[in-house]
């Protein structure tokens, strides 16, 4: 299963990059005879349903022609939902001025904040937290999720 997953990951990563996106993650579920492949892509701008469909149309034949799966499979390509943490620094710029829940390490001690992302300089992310500015290095982040706002 690990080799299958890695081969699909490699193919998905290439197709995503060819279309100007980047691979966030893949998930394989179901049985060998009825496999479901979930591919999550993102980009520096927002991802549309058409973007996901295009990546899916290009990825599906690669999976089939590469003999990666010998049985029936269903391929689902989507962007990560708001419930998924951001994994890569290049996901943050499009979320400037949005509120985050961030868990991070500070001097080997875990911390958690809720703050608005106000700037990105190199690997440093600046958050406005209770009338103060907190700078967190991306490499110190354990988990960062955009908070849903209904205003």
N, C-alpha and C. Protein backbone atom coordinates (compact mmCIF):
# COMPACT_ATOMS: atom_id res chain seq x y z
N UNK A 1 0.83 -1.20 0.00
CA UNK A 1 0.00 0.00 0.00
C UNK A 1 0.87 1.25 0.00
N UNK A 2 1.98 1.23 0.71
CA UNK A 2 2.85 2.41 0.76
C UNK A 2 3.40 2.76 -0.62
N UNK A 3 3.78 1.75 -1.40
CA UNK A 3 4.30 2.00 -2.74
C UNK A 3 3.20 2.56 -3.64
N UNK A 4 2.01 1.99 -3.55
CA UNK A 4 0.86 2.48 -4.31
C UNK A 4 0.59 3.94 -3.96
N UNK A 5 0.54 4.23 -2.67
CA UNK A 5 0.28 5.59 -2.22
C UNK A 5 1.36 6.55 -2.71
N UNK A 6 2.62 6.14 -2.65
CA UNK A 6 3.71 7.01 -3.10
C UNK A 6 3.64 7.25 -4.61
N UNK A 7 3.32 6.22 -5.38
CA UNK A 7 3.22 6.37 -6.83
C UNK A 7 2.07 7.31 -7.21
N UNK A 8 0.95 7.18 -6.52
CA UNK A 8 -0.18 8.09 -6.78
C UNK A 8 0.18 9.50 -6.34
N UNK A 9 0.84 9.62 -5.20
CA UNK A 9 1.28 10.94 -4.71
C UNK A 9 2.20 11.61 -5.73
N UNK A 10 3.15 10.85 -6.27
CA UNK A 10 4.09 11.41 -7.26
C UNK A 10 3.34 11.89 -8.51
N UNK A 11 2.39 11.08 -8.99
CA UNK A 11 1.63 11.45 -10.18
C UNK A 11 0.77 12.68 -9.90
N UNK A 12 0.11 12.71 -8.74
CA UNK A 12 -0.74 13.84 -8.37
C UNK A 12 0.08 15.12 -8.22
N UNK A 13 1.25 15.00 -7.62
CA UNK A 13 2.11 16.16 -7.44
C UNK A 13 2.52 16.74 -8.79
N UNK A 14 2.86 15.87 -9.74
CA UNK A 14 3.28 16.34 -11.06
C UNK A 14 2.13 17.02 -11.81
N UNK A 15 0.95 16.41 -11.79
CA UNK A 15 -0.20 17.00 -12.48
C UNK A 15 -0.58 18.33 -11.84
N UNK A 16 -0.58 18.38 -10.52
CA UNK A 16 -0.90 19.64 -9.83
C UNK A 16 0.09 20.73 -10.23
N UNK A 17 1.38 20.42 -10.20
CA UNK A 17 2.40 21.40 -10.56
C UNK A 17 2.27 21.84 -12.02
N UNK A 18 1.97 20.89 -12.91
CA UNK A 18 1.80 21.22 -14.33
C UNK A 18 0.67 22.23 -14.53
N UNK A 19 -0.28 22.27 -13.60
CA UNK A 19 -1.42 23.17 -13.70
C UNK A 19 -1.29 24.40 -12.80
N UNK A 20 -0.11 24.59 -12.19
CA UNK A 20 0.12 25.78 -11.38
C UNK A 20 -0.35 25.67 -9.94
N UNK A 21 -0.57 24.45 -9.47
CA UNK A 21 -1.03 24.22 -8.10
C UNK A 21 0.01 23.39 -7.36
N UNK A 22 -0.28 23.06 -6.11
CA UNK A 22 0.61 22.17 -5.37
C UNK A 22 -0.24 21.17 -4.60
N UNK A 23 0.33 20.00 -4.42
CA UNK A 23 -0.35 18.91 -3.73
C UNK A 23 -0.28 19.14 -2.23
N UNK A 24 -1.43 19.04 -1.58
CA UNK A 24 -1.49 19.14 -0.12
C UNK A 24 -1.42 17.76 0.49
N UNK A 25 -2.25 16.85 -0.02
CA UNK A 25 -2.30 15.51 0.58
C UNK A 25 -3.11 14.59 -0.32
N UNK A 26 -2.94 13.29 -0.11
CA UNK A 26 -3.81 12.31 -0.73
C UNK A 26 -4.28 11.34 0.35
N UNK A 27 -5.44 10.78 0.13
CA UNK A 27 -5.98 9.77 1.03
C UNK A 27 -6.50 8.62 0.19
N UNK A 28 -6.13 7.41 0.56
CA UNK A 28 -6.67 6.22 -0.09
C UNK A 28 -7.59 5.55 0.90
N UNK A 29 -8.79 5.23 0.43
CA UNK A 29 -9.71 4.50 1.30
C UNK A 29 -10.50 3.52 0.46
N UNK A 30 -11.30 2.71 1.13
CA UNK A 30 -12.05 1.68 0.43
C UNK A 30 -11.23 0.40 0.32
N UNK A 31 -11.79 -0.57 -0.36
CA UNK A 31 -11.10 -1.86 -0.52
C UNK A 31 -10.31 -1.86 -1.82
N UNK A 32 -9.52 -2.90 -2.01
CA UNK A 32 -8.72 -3.01 -3.24
C UNK A 32 -9.61 -3.07 -4.47
N UNK A 33 -10.80 -3.62 -4.32
CA UNK A 33 -11.70 -3.76 -5.46
C UNK A 33 -12.57 -2.52 -5.69
N UNK A 34 -12.58 -1.64 -4.75
CA UNK A 34 -13.40 -0.43 -4.86
C UNK A 34 -12.69 0.73 -4.15
N UNK A 35 -11.59 1.16 -4.72
CA UNK A 35 -10.72 2.16 -4.11
C UNK A 35 -11.24 3.57 -4.35
N UNK A 36 -11.13 4.42 -3.33
CA UNK A 36 -11.42 5.84 -3.45
C UNK A 36 -10.12 6.59 -3.21
N UNK A 37 -9.76 7.44 -4.17
CA UNK A 37 -8.54 8.24 -4.06
C UNK A 37 -8.96 9.69 -3.90
N UNK A 38 -8.63 10.29 -2.76
CA UNK A 38 -8.92 11.70 -2.53
C UNK A 38 -7.61 12.47 -2.68
N UNK A 39 -7.64 13.48 -3.52
CA UNK A 39 -6.47 14.32 -3.78
C UNK A 39 -6.84 15.74 -3.39
N UNK A 40 -6.02 16.35 -2.55
CA UNK A 40 -6.24 17.72 -2.11
C UNK A 40 -5.14 18.60 -2.69
N UNK A 41 -5.56 19.62 -3.45
CA UNK A 41 -4.61 20.56 -4.05
C UNK A 41 -4.92 21.96 -3.56
N UNK A 42 -3.93 22.82 -3.68
CA UNK A 42 -4.12 24.22 -3.34
C UNK A 42 -3.26 25.04 -4.28
N UNK A 43 -3.40 26.34 -4.17
CA UNK A 43 -2.64 27.24 -5.01
C UNK A 43 -2.42 28.56 -4.31
N UNK A 44 -1.66 29.40 -4.93
CA UNK A 44 -1.41 30.70 -4.34
C UNK A 44 -2.65 31.58 -4.40
N UNK A 45 -3.56 31.25 -5.31
CA UNK A 45 -4.87 31.89 -5.37
C UNK A 45 -5.91 30.81 -5.04
N UNK A 46 -7.14 31.20 -4.97
CA UNK A 46 -8.19 30.23 -4.64
C UNK A 46 -8.37 29.22 -5.77
N UNK A 47 -8.79 28.04 -5.40
CA UNK A 47 -9.00 26.94 -6.34
C UNK A 47 -10.49 26.86 -6.68
N UNK A 48 -10.78 26.73 -7.96
CA UNK A 48 -12.19 26.60 -8.39
C UNK A 48 -12.53 25.13 -8.61
N UNK A 49 -13.80 24.86 -8.73
CA UNK A 49 -14.25 23.49 -9.03
C UNK A 49 -13.71 23.07 -10.39
N UNK A 50 -13.64 24.00 -11.32
CA UNK A 50 -13.10 23.68 -12.66
C UNK A 50 -11.62 23.33 -12.57
N UNK A 51 -10.86 24.03 -11.72
CA UNK A 51 -9.45 23.68 -11.52
C UNK A 51 -9.31 22.24 -11.04
N UNK A 52 -10.14 21.88 -10.07
CA UNK A 52 -10.10 20.51 -9.52
C UNK A 52 -10.50 19.49 -10.59
N UNK A 53 -11.52 19.81 -11.36
CA UNK A 53 -11.97 18.90 -12.42
C UNK A 53 -10.87 18.69 -13.46
N UNK A 54 -10.18 19.77 -13.82
CA UNK A 54 -9.10 19.67 -14.81
C UNK A 54 -7.96 18.78 -14.30
N UNK A 55 -7.57 18.96 -13.06
CA UNK A 55 -6.52 18.12 -12.48
C UNK A 55 -7.00 16.67 -12.45
N UNK A 56 -8.24 16.44 -12.09
CA UNK A 56 -8.80 15.09 -12.06
C UNK A 56 -8.80 14.44 -13.44
N UNK A 57 -9.18 15.21 -14.47
CA UNK A 57 -9.20 14.68 -15.85
C UNK A 57 -7.80 14.30 -16.32
N UNK A 58 -6.78 15.03 -15.87
CA UNK A 58 -5.41 14.72 -16.28
C UNK A 58 -4.79 13.62 -15.42
N UNK A 59 -5.19 13.55 -14.17
CA UNK A 59 -4.60 12.56 -13.26
C UNK A 59 -5.16 11.16 -13.48
N UNK A 60 -6.45 11.05 -13.73
CA UNK A 60 -7.09 9.74 -13.87
C UNK A 60 -6.42 8.84 -14.91
N UNK A 61 -6.16 9.33 -16.13
CA UNK A 61 -5.50 8.45 -17.11
C UNK A 61 -4.06 8.07 -16.69
N UNK A 62 -3.40 8.95 -15.97
CA UNK A 62 -2.04 8.61 -15.50
C UNK A 62 -2.09 7.44 -14.51
N UNK A 63 -3.10 7.46 -13.66
CA UNK A 63 -3.25 6.37 -12.70
C UNK A 63 -3.58 5.07 -13.45
N UNK A 64 -4.47 5.17 -14.43
CA UNK A 64 -4.86 3.98 -15.20
C UNK A 64 -3.73 3.47 -16.08
N UNK A 65 -3.08 4.37 -16.84
CA UNK A 65 -2.03 3.93 -17.77
C UNK A 65 -0.77 3.51 -17.05
N UNK A 66 -0.56 4.05 -15.88
CA UNK A 66 0.62 3.67 -15.11
C UNK A 66 0.43 2.38 -14.36
N UNK A 67 -0.73 1.76 -14.55
CA UNK A 67 -1.06 0.49 -13.87
C UNK A 67 -0.87 0.62 -12.36
N UNK A 68 -1.19 1.79 -11.83
CA UNK A 68 -1.04 2.00 -10.40
C UNK A 68 -2.12 1.26 -9.62
N UNK A 69 -3.30 1.14 -10.25
CA UNK A 69 -4.40 0.43 -9.60
C UNK A 69 -4.99 -0.53 -10.64
N UNK A 70 -5.16 -1.78 -10.23
CA UNK A 70 -5.66 -2.82 -11.15
C UNK A 70 -7.17 -2.93 -11.14
N UNK A 71 -7.83 -2.18 -10.28
CA UNK A 71 -9.28 -2.33 -10.14
C UNK A 71 -9.98 -1.00 -10.37
N UNK A 72 -11.28 -1.04 -10.15
CA UNK A 72 -12.10 0.16 -10.28
C UNK A 72 -11.71 1.13 -9.16
N UNK A 73 -11.65 2.41 -9.50
CA UNK A 73 -11.38 3.42 -8.48
C UNK A 73 -12.19 4.66 -8.78
N UNK A 74 -12.43 5.43 -7.73
CA UNK A 74 -13.09 6.72 -7.87
C UNK A 74 -12.08 7.77 -7.43
N UNK A 75 -11.88 8.76 -8.27
CA UNK A 75 -10.92 9.83 -7.99
C UNK A 75 -11.70 11.09 -7.62
N UNK A 76 -11.35 11.67 -6.48
CA UNK A 76 -11.96 12.92 -6.04
C UNK A 76 -10.84 13.94 -5.84
N UNK A 77 -10.91 15.04 -6.56
CA UNK A 77 -9.91 16.10 -6.43
C UNK A 77 -10.61 17.33 -5.87
N UNK A 78 -10.08 17.88 -4.80
CA UNK A 78 -10.67 19.08 -4.21
C UNK A 78 -9.60 19.92 -3.55
N UNK A 79 -10.01 21.12 -3.18
CA UNK A 79 -9.11 21.95 -2.39
C UNK A 79 -9.37 21.62 -0.93
N UNK A 80 -8.39 21.85 -0.07
CA UNK A 80 -8.63 21.55 1.34
C UNK A 80 -9.70 22.48 1.89
N UNK A 81 -10.58 21.95 2.69
CA UNK A 81 -11.64 22.75 3.29
C UNK A 81 -11.10 23.61 4.41
N UNK A 82 -11.94 24.50 4.90
CA UNK A 82 -11.53 25.39 5.98
C UNK A 82 -11.23 24.64 7.26
N UNK A 83 -11.70 23.40 7.34
CA UNK A 83 -11.44 22.61 8.54
C UNK A 83 -10.04 22.00 8.55
N UNK A 84 -9.34 22.07 7.42
CA UNK A 84 -7.99 21.48 7.34
C UNK A 84 -6.93 22.53 7.68
N UNK A 85 -5.98 22.15 8.49
CA UNK A 85 -4.88 23.08 8.80
C UNK A 85 -4.04 23.36 7.56
N UNK A 86 -3.44 24.54 7.53
CA UNK A 86 -2.52 24.87 6.45
C UNK A 86 -1.21 24.14 6.70
N UNK A 87 -0.63 23.57 5.64
CA UNK A 87 0.58 22.77 5.79
C UNK A 87 1.82 23.45 5.24
N UNK A 88 1.63 24.36 4.29
CA UNK A 88 2.76 24.95 3.60
C UNK A 88 2.73 26.48 3.72
N UNK A 89 3.90 27.07 3.80
CA UNK A 89 4.01 28.53 3.91
C UNK A 89 3.32 29.23 2.74
N UNK A 90 3.40 28.66 1.55
CA UNK A 90 2.81 29.31 0.39
C UNK A 90 1.29 29.32 0.40
N UNK A 91 0.66 28.66 1.39
CA UNK A 91 -0.79 28.73 1.54
C UNK A 91 -1.23 29.98 2.30
N UNK A 92 -0.33 30.60 3.04
CA UNK A 92 -0.71 31.70 3.92
C UNK A 92 -1.04 33.03 3.24
N UNK A 93 -0.31 33.45 2.19
CA UNK A 93 -0.56 34.78 1.65
C UNK A 93 -2.01 35.07 1.26
N UNK A 94 -2.72 34.12 0.73
CA UNK A 94 -4.10 34.39 0.34
C UNK A 94 -5.03 34.51 1.54
N UNK A 95 -4.49 34.25 2.74
CA UNK A 95 -5.29 34.36 3.96
C UNK A 95 -4.90 35.57 4.82
N UNK A 96 -4.20 36.53 4.22
CA UNK A 96 -3.88 37.76 4.94
C UNK A 96 -5.18 38.41 5.40
N UNK A 97 -5.14 39.01 6.57
CA UNK A 97 -6.29 39.68 7.19
C UNK A 97 -7.39 38.73 7.65
N UNK A 98 -7.06 37.46 7.75
CA UNK A 98 -8.02 36.49 8.30
C UNK A 98 -7.53 36.05 9.67
N UNK A 99 -8.47 35.62 10.49
CA UNK A 99 -8.14 35.18 11.84
C UNK A 99 -7.78 33.70 11.84
N UNK A 100 -6.74 33.39 12.60
CA UNK A 100 -6.22 32.03 12.69
C UNK A 100 -6.24 31.54 14.12
N UNK A 101 -6.32 30.25 14.26
CA UNK A 101 -5.97 29.56 15.50
C UNK A 101 -4.62 28.91 15.21
N UNK A 102 -3.62 29.29 15.97
CA UNK A 102 -2.27 28.81 15.71
C UNK A 102 -1.69 28.15 16.96
N UNK A 103 -1.24 26.93 16.80
CA UNK A 103 -0.48 26.25 17.85
C UNK A 103 0.97 26.25 17.38
N UNK A 104 1.88 26.63 18.25
CA UNK A 104 3.28 26.74 17.86
C UNK A 104 4.18 26.47 19.06
N UNK A 105 5.44 26.24 18.76
CA UNK A 105 6.44 26.04 19.81
C UNK A 105 7.19 27.34 20.05
N UNK A 106 7.33 27.70 21.32
CA UNK A 106 8.14 28.85 21.69
C UNK A 106 9.09 28.36 22.78
N UNK A 107 10.37 28.34 22.44
CA UNK A 107 11.39 27.83 23.36
C UNK A 107 11.03 26.42 23.84
N UNK A 108 10.66 25.56 22.90
CA UNK A 108 10.29 24.16 23.15
C UNK A 108 9.04 23.99 24.01
N UNK A 109 8.28 25.07 24.16
CA UNK A 109 7.04 25.00 24.93
C UNK A 109 5.87 25.30 23.99
N UNK A 110 4.85 24.41 23.96
CA UNK A 110 3.71 24.66 23.07
C UNK A 110 2.86 25.84 23.54
N UNK A 111 2.46 26.66 22.59
CA UNK A 111 1.61 27.84 22.84
C UNK A 111 0.47 27.82 21.83
N UNK A 112 -0.59 28.56 22.15
CA UNK A 112 -1.73 28.67 21.25
C UNK A 112 -2.25 30.10 21.27
N UNK A 113 -2.53 30.62 20.07
CA UNK A 113 -3.08 31.96 19.96
C UNK A 113 -4.25 31.98 18.98
N UNK A 114 -5.06 33.01 19.09
CA UNK A 114 -6.04 33.36 18.07
C UNK A 114 -5.65 34.76 17.64
N UNK A 115 -5.34 34.93 16.37
CA UNK A 115 -4.91 36.24 15.90
C UNK A 115 -5.11 36.41 14.41
N UNK A 116 -5.14 37.67 13.99
CA UNK A 116 -5.30 38.00 12.58
C UNK A 116 -3.93 38.04 11.92
N UNK A 117 -3.79 37.35 10.80
CA UNK A 117 -2.55 37.36 10.03
C UNK A 117 -2.43 38.71 9.34
N UNK A 118 -1.39 39.48 9.72
CA UNK A 118 -1.27 40.84 9.17
C UNK A 118 -0.07 41.02 8.25
N UNK A 119 0.92 40.11 8.31
CA UNK A 119 2.08 40.25 7.44
C UNK A 119 2.84 38.93 7.35
N UNK A 120 3.54 38.78 6.22
CA UNK A 120 4.42 37.63 6.02
C UNK A 120 5.73 38.18 5.48
N UNK A 121 6.81 37.89 6.19
CA UNK A 121 8.14 38.31 5.76
C UNK A 121 9.06 37.11 5.85
N UNK A 122 9.40 36.55 4.68
CA UNK A 122 10.21 35.33 4.67
C UNK A 122 9.43 34.21 5.34
N UNK A 123 10.04 33.60 6.36
CA UNK A 123 9.40 32.51 7.11
C UNK A 123 8.62 33.02 8.32
N UNK A 124 8.60 34.33 8.53
CA UNK A 124 7.94 34.89 9.71
C UNK A 124 6.54 35.38 9.39
N UNK A 125 5.60 34.94 10.22
CA UNK A 125 4.21 35.34 10.09
C UNK A 125 3.87 36.26 11.25
N UNK A 126 3.30 37.41 10.95
CA UNK A 126 2.92 38.37 11.99
C UNK A 126 1.42 38.30 12.22
N UNK A 127 1.07 38.13 13.50
CA UNK A 127 -0.34 38.04 13.89
C UNK A 127 -0.66 39.18 14.85
N UNK A 128 -1.83 39.80 14.64
CA UNK A 128 -2.32 40.80 15.57
C UNK A 128 -3.12 40.04 16.63
N UNK A 129 -2.63 40.13 17.88
CA UNK A 129 -3.25 39.42 19.00
C UNK A 129 -3.48 40.41 20.13
N UNK A 130 -4.74 40.71 20.41
CA UNK A 130 -5.10 41.60 21.52
C UNK A 130 -4.27 42.88 21.54
N UNK A 131 -4.34 43.64 20.46
CA UNK A 131 -3.63 44.92 20.34
C UNK A 131 -2.11 44.80 20.41
N UNK A 132 -1.59 43.63 20.14
CA UNK A 132 -0.14 43.41 20.12
C UNK A 132 0.18 42.65 18.83
N UNK A 133 1.43 42.67 18.43
CA UNK A 133 1.86 41.91 17.25
C UNK A 133 2.78 40.79 17.71
N UNK A 134 2.45 39.59 17.31
CA UNK A 134 3.25 38.41 17.64
C UNK A 134 3.81 37.85 16.34
N UNK A 135 5.11 37.65 16.30
CA UNK A 135 5.76 37.08 15.13
C UNK A 135 6.07 35.62 15.42
N UNK A 136 5.60 34.75 14.53
CA UNK A 136 5.82 33.31 14.68
C UNK A 136 6.53 32.81 13.43
N UNK A 137 7.64 32.12 13.62
CA UNK A 137 8.34 31.53 12.49
C UNK A 137 7.53 30.33 12.01
N UNK A 138 7.38 30.22 10.70
CA UNK A 138 6.60 29.12 10.13
C UNK A 138 7.08 27.76 10.62
N UNK A 139 8.37 27.59 10.77
CA UNK A 139 8.93 26.30 11.19
C UNK A 139 8.56 25.94 12.63
N UNK A 140 8.09 26.91 13.40
CA UNK A 140 7.68 26.65 14.79
C UNK A 140 6.18 26.30 14.90
N UNK A 141 5.48 26.42 13.78
CA UNK A 141 4.03 26.16 13.81
C UNK A 141 3.76 24.66 13.86
N UNK A 142 2.93 24.28 14.80
CA UNK A 142 2.48 22.91 14.94
C UNK A 142 1.22 22.72 14.09
N UNK A 143 0.30 23.69 14.20
CA UNK A 143 -0.97 23.62 13.49
C UNK A 143 -1.51 25.04 13.32
N UNK A 144 -1.99 25.35 12.11
CA UNK A 144 -2.57 26.67 11.84
C UNK A 144 -3.83 26.49 11.02
N UNK A 145 -4.95 26.97 11.57
CA UNK A 145 -6.24 26.87 10.88
C UNK A 145 -6.88 28.24 10.77
N UNK A 146 -7.40 28.52 9.58
CA UNK A 146 -8.16 29.74 9.37
C UNK A 146 -9.48 29.57 10.10
N UNK A 147 -9.89 30.60 10.81
CA UNK A 147 -11.16 30.57 11.53
C UNK A 147 -12.27 31.09 10.63
N UNK A 148 -13.40 30.45 10.67
CA UNK A 148 -14.54 30.84 9.86
C UNK A 148 -15.15 32.10 10.46
N UNK A 149 -15.43 33.06 9.59
CA UNK A 149 -16.03 34.32 10.03
C UNK A 149 -17.36 34.50 9.30
N UNK A 150 -18.38 34.84 10.05
CA UNK A 150 -19.70 35.05 9.46
C UNK A 150 -20.05 36.53 9.37
N UNK A 151 -19.06 37.40 9.50
CA UNK A 151 -19.34 38.83 9.43
C UNK A 151 -19.06 39.38 8.05
